[in-house]
């Protein structure tokens, strides 16, 4: 999908292990959530995790951002013991 709208959701964690735990928690959702109007990519570099959300329109972008921020928040909550 080549989408006209895009945002990057980046977070830096205290340790690379915590970032890895967040990435591993989110990664399975990448292929499961994609739709006709929104896609997402996930990457990690050391302590930084980045999710790129692309969408065909602004409504889909807002929905995608909300979805990925929620998933990242849940992953952060459950991985709290990884520090």
PDB file of N, CA and C in Angstrom:
ATOM      1  N   UNK A   1       0.848  -1.179   0.000  1.00  0.00           N
ATOM      2  CA  UNK A   1       0.000   0.000   0.000  1.00  0.00           C
ATOM      3  C   UNK A   1       0.887   1.234   0.000  1.00  0.00           C
ATOM      4  N   UNK A   2       0.657   2.106  -0.947  1.00  0.00           N
ATOM      5  CA  UNK A   2       1.303   3.410  -0.911  1.00  0.00           C
ATOM      6  C   UNK A   2       0.251   4.388  -0.444  1.00  0.00           C
ATOM      7  N   UNK A   3       0.391   4.823   0.785  1.00  0.00           N
ATOM      8  CA  UNK A   3      -0.631   5.653   1.395  1.00  0.00           C
ATOM      9  C   UNK A   3      -0.175   7.101   1.467  1.00  0.00           C
ATOM     10  N   UNK A   4      -1.103   8.025   1.256  1.00  0.00           N
ATOM     11  CA  UNK A   4      -0.739   9.440   1.321  1.00  0.00           C
ATOM     12  C   UNK A   4      -0.540   9.972   2.742  1.00  0.00           C
ATOM     13  N   UNK A   5      -0.990   9.231   3.736  1.00  0.00           N
ATOM     14  CA  UNK A   5      -0.896   9.689   5.124  1.00  0.00           C
ATOM     15  C   UNK A   5      -0.055   8.712   5.934  1.00  0.00           C
ATOM     16  N   UNK A   6       0.817   9.260   6.769  1.00  0.00           N
ATOM     17  CA  UNK A   6       1.728   8.412   7.538  1.00  0.00           C
ATOM     18  C   UNK A   6       2.090   9.098   8.849  1.00  0.00           C
ATOM     19  N   UNK A   7       2.297   8.276   9.869  1.00  0.00           N
ATOM     20  CA  UNK A   7       2.845   8.791  11.127  1.00  0.00           C
ATOM     21  C   UNK A   7       3.802   7.764  11.704  1.00  0.00           C
ATOM     22  N   UNK A   8       4.751   8.255  12.497  1.00  0.00           N
ATOM     23  CA  UNK A   8       5.718   7.391  13.173  1.00  0.00           C
ATOM     24  C   UNK A   8       5.480   7.495  14.669  1.00  0.00           C
ATOM     25  N   UNK A   9       5.333   6.345  15.296  1.00  0.00           N
ATOM     26  CA  UNK A   9       5.165   6.262  16.743  1.00  0.00           C
ATOM     27  C   UNK A   9       6.435   5.635  17.298  1.00  0.00           C
ATOM     28  N   UNK A  10       7.288   6.435  17.897  1.00  0.00           N
ATOM     29  CA  UNK A  10       8.577   5.939  18.382  1.00  0.00           C
ATOM     30  C   UNK A  10       8.640   6.053  19.893  1.00  0.00           C
ATOM     31  N   UNK A  11       9.255   5.058  20.503  1.00  0.00           N
ATOM     32  CA  UNK A  11       9.454   5.072  21.960  1.00  0.00           C
ATOM     33  C   UNK A  11      10.832   4.516  22.266  1.00  0.00           C
ATOM     34  N   UNK A  12      11.471   5.117  23.244  1.00  0.00           N
ATOM     35  CA  UNK A  12      12.796   4.681  23.693  1.00  0.00           C
ATOM     36  C   UNK A  12      12.624   4.109  25.101  1.00  0.00           C
ATOM     37  N   UNK A  13      13.196   2.927  25.343  1.00  0.00           N
ATOM     38  CA  UNK A  13      13.052   2.241  26.625  1.00  0.00           C
ATOM     39  C   UNK A  13      14.365   2.225  27.392  1.00  0.00           C
ATOM     40  N   UNK A  14      14.281   1.916  28.673  1.00  0.00           N
ATOM     41  CA  UNK A  14      15.455   1.925  29.548  1.00  0.00           C
ATOM     42  C   UNK A  14      16.516   0.915  29.129  1.00  0.00           C
ATOM     43  N   UNK A  15      16.073  -0.213  28.593  1.00  0.00           N
ATOM     44  CA  UNK A  15      17.009  -1.262  28.198  1.00  0.00           C
ATOM     45  C   UNK A  15      16.607  -1.843  26.848  1.00  0.00           C
ATOM     46  N   UNK A  16      17.579  -2.432  26.178  1.00  0.00           N
ATOM     47  CA  UNK A  16      17.298  -3.120  24.919  1.00  0.00           C
ATOM     48  C   UNK A  16      16.416  -4.345  25.155  1.00  0.00           C
ATOM     49  N   UNK A  17      16.552  -4.983  26.323  1.00  0.00           N
ATOM     50  CA  UNK A  17      15.714  -6.144  26.638  1.00  0.00           C
ATOM     51  C   UNK A  17      14.240  -5.748  26.720  1.00  0.00           C
ATOM     52  N   UNK A  18      13.971  -4.615  27.339  1.00  0.00           N
ATOM     53  CA  UNK A  18      12.576  -4.160  27.432  1.00  0.00           C
ATOM     54  C   UNK A  18      12.053  -3.805  26.047  1.00  0.00           C
ATOM     55  N   UNK A  19      12.852  -3.122  25.243  1.00  0.00           N
ATOM     56  CA  UNK A  19      12.436  -2.788  23.877  1.00  0.00           C
ATOM     57  C   UNK A  19      12.148  -4.055  23.082  1.00  0.00           C
ATOM     58  N   UNK A  20      12.992  -5.072  23.249  1.00  0.00           N
ATOM     59  CA  UNK A  20      12.794  -6.353  22.566  1.00  0.00           C
ATOM     60  C   UNK A  20      11.482  -6.998  23.010  1.00  0.00           C
ATOM     61  N   UNK A  21      11.183  -6.939  24.292  1.00  0.00           N
ATOM     62  CA  UNK A  21       9.932  -7.517  24.803  1.00  0.00           C
ATOM     63  C   UNK A  21       8.718  -6.790  24.210  1.00  0.00           C
ATOM     64  N   UNK A  22       8.807  -5.475  24.108  1.00  0.00           N
ATOM     65  CA  UNK A  22       7.716  -4.692  23.516  1.00  0.00           C
ATOM     66  C   UNK A  22       7.554  -5.087  22.048  1.00  0.00           C
ATOM     67  N   UNK A  23       8.659  -5.120  21.334  1.00  0.00           N
ATOM     68  CA  UNK A  23       8.614  -5.481  19.913  1.00  0.00           C
ATOM     69  C   UNK A  23       7.997  -6.861  19.721  1.00  0.00           C
ATOM     70  N   UNK A  24       8.434  -7.828  20.503  1.00  0.00           N
ATOM     71  CA  UNK A  24       7.922  -9.194  20.360  1.00  0.00           C
ATOM     72  C   UNK A  24       6.439  -9.299  20.709  1.00  0.00           C
ATOM     73  N   UNK A  25       5.987  -8.452  21.615  1.00  0.00           N
ATOM     74  CA  UNK A  25       4.562  -8.449  21.965  1.00  0.00           C
ATOM     75  C   UNK A  25       3.702  -7.889  20.836  1.00  0.00           C
ATOM     76  N   UNK A  26       4.223  -6.893  20.153  1.00  0.00           N
ATOM     77  CA  UNK A  26       3.455  -6.213  19.112  1.00  0.00           C
ATOM     78  C   UNK A  26       3.549  -6.916  17.763  1.00  0.00           C
ATOM     79  N   UNK A  27       4.698  -7.494  17.457  1.00  0.00           N
ATOM     80  CA  UNK A  27       4.956  -8.032  16.117  1.00  0.00           C
ATOM     81  C   UNK A  27       3.857  -8.954  15.573  1.00  0.00           C
ATOM     82  N   UNK A  28       3.298  -9.884  16.350  1.00  0.00           N
ATOM     83  CA  UNK A  28       2.262 -10.771  15.792  1.00  0.00           C
ATOM     84  C   UNK A  28       1.028 -10.028  15.279  1.00  0.00           C
ATOM     85  N   UNK A  29       0.802  -8.834  15.796  1.00  0.00           N
ATOM     86  CA  UNK A  29      -0.379  -8.065  15.392  1.00  0.00           C
ATOM     87  C   UNK A  29      -0.206  -7.396  14.031  1.00  0.00           C
ATOM     88  N   UNK A  30       1.017  -7.206  13.588  1.00  0.00           N
ATOM     89  CA  UNK A  30       1.271  -6.491  12.336  1.00  0.00           C
ATOM     90  C   UNK A  30       0.493  -7.112  11.177  1.00  0.00           C
ATOM     91  N   UNK A  31       0.595  -8.409  10.989  1.00  0.00           N
ATOM     92  CA  UNK A  31      -0.094  -9.057   9.870  1.00  0.00           C
ATOM     93  C   UNK A  31      -1.573  -9.289  10.138  1.00  0.00           C
ATOM     94  N   UNK A  32      -1.951  -9.380  11.413  1.00  0.00           N
ATOM     95  CA  UNK A  32      -3.343  -9.676  11.745  1.00  0.00           C
ATOM     96  C   UNK A  32      -4.263  -8.469  11.622  1.00  0.00           C
ATOM     97  N   UNK A  33      -3.745  -7.273  11.812  1.00  0.00           N
ATOM     98  CA  UNK A  33      -4.603  -6.091  11.887  1.00  0.00           C
ATOM     99  C   UNK A  33      -4.718  -5.344  10.563  1.00  0.00           C
ATOM    100  N   UNK A  34      -3.794  -5.542   9.665  1.00  0.00           N
ATOM    101  CA  UNK A  34      -3.820  -4.778   8.421  1.00  0.00           C
ATOM    102  C   UNK A  34      -5.160  -4.888   7.723  1.00  0.00           C
ATOM    103  N   UNK A  35      -5.582  -3.768   7.149  1.00  0.00           N
ATOM    104  CA  UNK A  35      -6.834  -3.736   6.417  1.00  0.00           C
ATOM    105  C   UNK A  35      -6.629  -3.128   5.046  1.00  0.00           C
ATOM    106  N   UNK A  36      -7.723  -2.788   4.413  1.00  0.00           N
ATOM    107  CA  UNK A  36      -7.662  -2.195   3.079  1.00  0.00           C
ATOM    108  C   UNK A  36      -7.179  -0.745   3.121  1.00  0.00           C
ATOM    109  N   UNK A  37      -7.398  -0.070   4.250  1.00  0.00           N
ATOM    110  CA  UNK A  37      -7.089   1.360   4.322  1.00  0.00           C
ATOM    111  C   UNK A  37      -5.904   1.703   5.204  1.00  0.00           C
ATOM    112  N   UNK A  38      -5.393   0.744   5.982  1.00  0.00           N
ATOM    113  CA  UNK A  38      -4.310   1.035   6.919  1.00  0.00           C
ATOM    114  C   UNK A  38      -3.308  -0.113   6.944  1.00  0.00           C
ATOM    115  N   UNK A  39      -2.019   0.241   7.028  1.00  0.00           N
ATOM    116  CA  UNK A  39      -0.964  -0.750   7.219  1.00  0.00           C
ATOM    117  C   UNK A  39      -0.022  -0.231   8.301  1.00  0.00           C
ATOM    118  N   UNK A  40       0.762  -1.141   8.842  1.00  0.00           N
ATOM    119  CA  UNK A  40       1.739  -0.741   9.858  1.00  0.00           C
ATOM    120  C   UNK A  40       3.022  -1.540   9.667  1.00  0.00           C
ATOM    121  N   UNK A  41       4.128  -0.901  10.023  1.00  0.00           N
ATOM    122  CA  UNK A  41       5.440  -1.564  10.025  1.00  0.00           C
ATOM    123  C   UNK A  41       6.055  -1.354  11.389  1.00  0.00           C
ATOM    124  N   UNK A  42       6.825  -2.318  11.830  1.00  0.00           N
ATOM    125  CA  UNK A  42       7.443  -2.284  13.155  1.00  0.00           C
ATOM    126  C   UNK A  42       8.938  -2.500  13.010  1.00  0.00           C
ATOM    127  N   UNK A  43       9.712  -1.707  13.748  1.00  0.00           N
ATOM    128  CA  UNK A  43      11.154  -1.916  13.756  1.00  0.00           C
ATOM    129  C   UNK A  43      11.698  -1.610  15.147  1.00  0.00           C
ATOM    130  N   UNK A  44      12.868  -2.192  15.425  1.00  0.00           N
ATOM    131  CA  UNK A  44      13.547  -1.926  16.696  1.00  0.00           C
ATOM    132  C   UNK A  44      15.021  -1.743  16.424  1.00  0.00           C
ATOM    133  N   UNK A  45      15.597  -0.745  17.060  1.00  0.00           N
ATOM    134  CA  UNK A  45      17.026  -0.498  16.982  1.00  0.00           C
ATOM    135  C   UNK A  45      17.508  -0.250  18.408  1.00  0.00           C
ATOM    136  N   UNK A  46      18.082  -1.284  19.005  1.00  0.00           N
ATOM    137  CA  UNK A  46      18.537  -1.152  20.394  1.00  0.00           C
ATOM    138  C   UNK A  46      17.382  -0.919  21.335  1.00  0.00           C
ATOM    139  N   UNK A  47      17.350   0.237  21.954  1.00  0.00           N
ATOM    140  CA  UNK A  47      16.319   0.569  22.942  1.00  0.00           C
ATOM    141  C   UNK A  47      15.119   1.291  22.335  1.00  0.00           C
ATOM    142  N   UNK A  48      15.142   1.503  21.041  1.00  0.00           N
ATOM    143  CA  UNK A  48      14.087   2.264  20.361  1.00  0.00           C
ATOM    144  C   UNK A  48      13.184   1.331  19.558  1.00  0.00           C
ATOM    145  N   UNK A  49      11.877   1.504  19.739  1.00  0.00           N
ATOM    146  CA  UNK A  49      10.875   0.764  18.966  1.00  0.00           C
ATOM    147  C   UNK A  49      10.077   1.788  18.175  1.00  0.00           C
ATOM    148  N   UNK A  50       9.883   1.506  16.901  1.00  0.00           N
ATOM    149  CA  UNK A  50       9.139   2.433  16.047  1.00  0.00           C
ATOM    150  C   UNK A  50       8.056   1.684  15.290  1.00  0.00           C
ATOM    151  N   UNK A  51       6.877   2.283  15.280  1.00  0.00           N
ATOM    152  CA  UNK A  51       5.749   1.770  14.501  1.00  0.00           C
ATOM    153  C   UNK A  51       5.403   2.848  13.487  1.00  0.00           C
ATOM    154  N   UNK A  52       5.376   2.478  12.225  1.00  0.00           N
ATOM    155  CA  UNK A  52       4.974   3.407  11.172  1.00  0.00           C
ATOM    156  C   UNK A  52       3.581   2.995  10.708  1.00  0.00           C
ATOM    157  N   UNK A  53       2.646   3.911  10.831  1.00  0.00           N
ATOM    158  CA  UNK A  53       1.266   3.659  10.425  1.00  0.00           C
ATOM    159  C   UNK A  53       1.015   4.454   9.146  1.00  0.00           C
ATOM    160  N   UNK A  54       0.519   3.775   8.120  1.00  0.00           N
ATOM    161  CA  UNK A  54       0.182   4.422   6.856  1.00  0.00           C
ATOM    162  C   UNK A  54      -1.295   4.180   6.571  1.00  0.00           C
ATOM    163  N   UNK A  55      -1.945   5.194   5.996  1.00  0.00           N
ATOM    164  CA  UNK A  55      -3.375   5.061   5.750  1.00  0.00           C
ATOM    165  C   UNK A  55      -3.794   5.801   4.484  1.00  0.00           C
ATOM    166  N   UNK A  56      -4.881   5.323   3.928  1.00  0.00           N
ATOM    167  CA  UNK A  56      -5.422   5.911   2.717  1.00  0.00           C
ATOM    168  C   UNK A  56      -6.111   7.242   2.979  1.00  0.00           C
ATOM    169  N   UNK A  57      -6.604   7.439   4.200  1.00  0.00           N
ATOM    170  CA  UNK A  57      -7.297   8.685   4.532  1.00  0.00           C
ATOM    171  C   UNK A  57      -7.071   9.008   6.007  1.00  0.00           C
ATOM    172  N   UNK A  58      -7.417  10.217   6.396  1.00  0.00           N
ATOM    173  CA  UNK A  58      -7.141  10.670   7.765  1.00  0.00           C
ATOM    174  C   UNK A  58      -7.958   9.936   8.822  1.00  0.00           C
ATOM    175  N   UNK A  59      -9.166   9.544   8.498  1.00  0.00           N
ATOM    176  CA  UNK A  59      -9.978   8.795   9.457  1.00  0.00           C
ATOM    177  C   UNK A  59      -9.328   7.444   9.741  1.00  0.00           C
ATOM    178  N   UNK A  60      -8.871   6.781   8.700  1.00  0.00           N
ATOM    179  CA  UNK A  60      -8.192   5.492   8.875  1.00  0.00           C
ATOM    180  C   UNK A  60      -6.875   5.676   9.619  1.00  0.00           C
ATOM    181  N   UNK A  61      -6.162   6.772   9.363  1.00  0.00           N
ATOM    182  CA  UNK A  61      -4.912   7.036  10.071  1.00  0.00           C
ATOM    183  C   UNK A  61      -5.166   7.209  11.561  1.00  0.00           C
ATOM    184  N   UNK A  62      -6.179   7.980  11.917  1.00  0.00           N
ATOM    185  CA  UNK A  62      -6.522   8.179  13.336  1.00  0.00           C
ATOM    186  C   UNK A  62      -6.861   6.849  13.994  1.00  0.00           C
ATOM    187  N   UNK A  63      -7.645   6.023  13.324  1.00  0.00           N
ATOM    188  CA  UNK A  63      -8.009   4.717  13.878  1.00  0.00           C
ATOM    189  C   UNK A  63      -6.769   3.835  14.041  1.00  0.00           C
ATOM    190  N   UNK A  64      -5.893   3.868  13.043  1.00  0.00           N
ATOM    191  CA  UNK A  64      -4.665   3.077  13.127  1.00  0.00           C
ATOM    192  C   UNK A  64      -3.755   3.541  14.256  1.00  0.00           C
ATOM    193  N   UNK A  65      -3.616   4.841  14.415  1.00  0.00           N
ATOM    194  CA  UNK A  65      -2.804   5.388  15.504  1.00  0.00           C
ATOM    195  C   UNK A  65      -3.363   4.952  16.849  1.00  0.00           C
ATOM    196  N   UNK A  66      -4.675   5.071  17.020  1.00  0.00           N
ATOM    197  CA  UNK A  66      -5.299   4.654  18.281  1.00  0.00           C
ATOM    198  C   UNK A  66      -5.063   3.171  18.560  1.00  0.00           C
ATOM    199  N   UNK A  67      -5.202   2.347  17.541  1.00  0.00           N
ATOM    200  CA  UNK A  67      -4.984   0.903  17.700  1.00  0.00           C
ATOM    201  C   UNK A  67      -3.564   0.607  18.154  1.00  0.00           C
ATOM    202  N   UNK A  68      -2.577   1.165  17.455  1.00  0.00           N
ATOM    203  CA  UNK A  68      -1.183   0.852  17.753  1.00  0.00           C
ATOM    204  C   UNK A  68      -0.708   1.457  19.055  1.00  0.00           C
ATOM    205  N   UNK A  69      -1.213   2.634  19.412  1.00  0.00           N
ATOM    206  CA  UNK A  69      -0.863   3.195  20.725  1.00  0.00           C
ATOM    207  C   UNK A  69      -1.432   2.337  21.846  1.00  0.00           C
ATOM    208  N   UNK A  70      -2.635   1.827  21.657  1.00  0.00           N
ATOM    209  CA  UNK A  70      -3.237   0.946  22.656  1.00  0.00           C
ATOM    210  C   UNK A  70      -2.439  -0.351  22.788  1.00  0.00           C
ATOM    211  N   UNK A  71      -2.102  -0.966  21.661  1.00  0.00           N
ATOM    212  CA  UNK A  71      -1.320  -2.209  21.701  1.00  0.00           C
ATOM    213  C   UNK A  71       0.045  -1.987  22.343  1.00  0.00           C
ATOM    214  N   UNK A  72       0.692  -0.883  22.004  1.00  0.00           N
ATOM    215  CA  UNK A  72       1.989  -0.586  22.610  1.00  0.00           C
ATOM    216  C   UNK A  72       1.839  -0.354  24.109  1.00  0.00           C
ATOM    217  N   UNK A  73       0.789   0.326  24.515  1.00  0.00           N
ATOM    218  CA  UNK A  73       0.544   0.564  25.944  1.00  0.00           C
ATOM    219  C   UNK A  73       0.340  -0.727  26.719  1.00  0.00           C
ATOM    220  N   UNK A  74      -0.402  -1.643  26.156  1.00  0.00           N
ATOM    221  CA  UNK A  74      -0.608  -2.941  26.802  1.00  0.00           C
ATOM    222  C   UNK A  74       0.717  -3.689  26.898  1.00  0.00           C
ATOM    223  N   UNK A  75       1.492  -3.688  25.827  1.00  0.00           N
ATOM    224  CA  UNK A  75       2.798  -4.354  25.836  1.00  0.00           C
ATOM    225  C   UNK A  75       3.707  -3.743  26.896  1.00  0.00           C
ATOM    226  N   UNK A  76       3.679  -2.423  27.029  1.00  0.00           N
ATOM    227  CA  UNK A  76       4.502  -1.766  28.061  1.00  0.00           C
ATOM    228  C   UNK A  76       4.065  -2.155  29.453  1.00  0.00           C
ATOM    229  N   UNK A  77       2.764  -2.258  29.657  1.00  0.00           N
ATOM    230  CA  UNK A  77       2.242  -2.635  30.978  1.00  0.00           C
ATOM    231  C   UNK A  77       2.655  -4.053  31.368  1.00  0.00           C
ATOM    232  N   UNK A  78       2.482  -4.980  30.435  1.00  0.00           N
ATOM    233  CA  UNK A  78       2.774  -6.372  30.777  1.00  0.00           C
ATOM    234  C   UNK A  78       4.261  -6.683  30.787  1.00  0.00           C
ATOM    235  N   UNK A  79       5.074  -5.860  30.131  1.00  0.00           N
ATOM    236  CA  UNK A  79       6.519  -6.106  30.134  1.00  0.00           C
ATOM    237  C   UNK A  79       7.221  -5.323  31.230  1.00  0.00           C
ATOM    238  N   UNK A  80       6.481  -4.701  32.101  1.00  0.00           N
ATOM    239  CA  UNK A  80       7.063  -3.881  33.161  1.00  0.00           C
ATOM    240  C   UNK A  80       8.099  -4.600  34.003  1.00  0.00           C
ATOM    241  N   UNK A  81       8.024  -5.915  34.109  1.00  0.00           N
ATOM    242  CA  UNK A  81       8.973  -6.669  34.900  1.00  0.00           C
ATOM    243  C   UNK A  81      10.269  -6.978  34.175  1.00  0.00           C
ATOM    244  N   UNK A  82      10.427  -6.496  32.958  1.00  0.00           N
ATOM    245  CA  UNK A  82      11.624  -6.821  32.162  1.00  0.00           C
ATOM    246  C   UNK A  82      12.799  -5.889  32.442  1.00  0.00           C
ATOM    247  N   UNK A  83      12.607  -4.833  33.188  1.00  0.00           N
ATOM    248  CA  UNK A  83      13.707  -3.904  33.463  1.00  0.00           C
ATOM    249  C   UNK A  83      14.720  -4.477  34.422  1.00  0.00           C
TER     250      UNK A  83
END
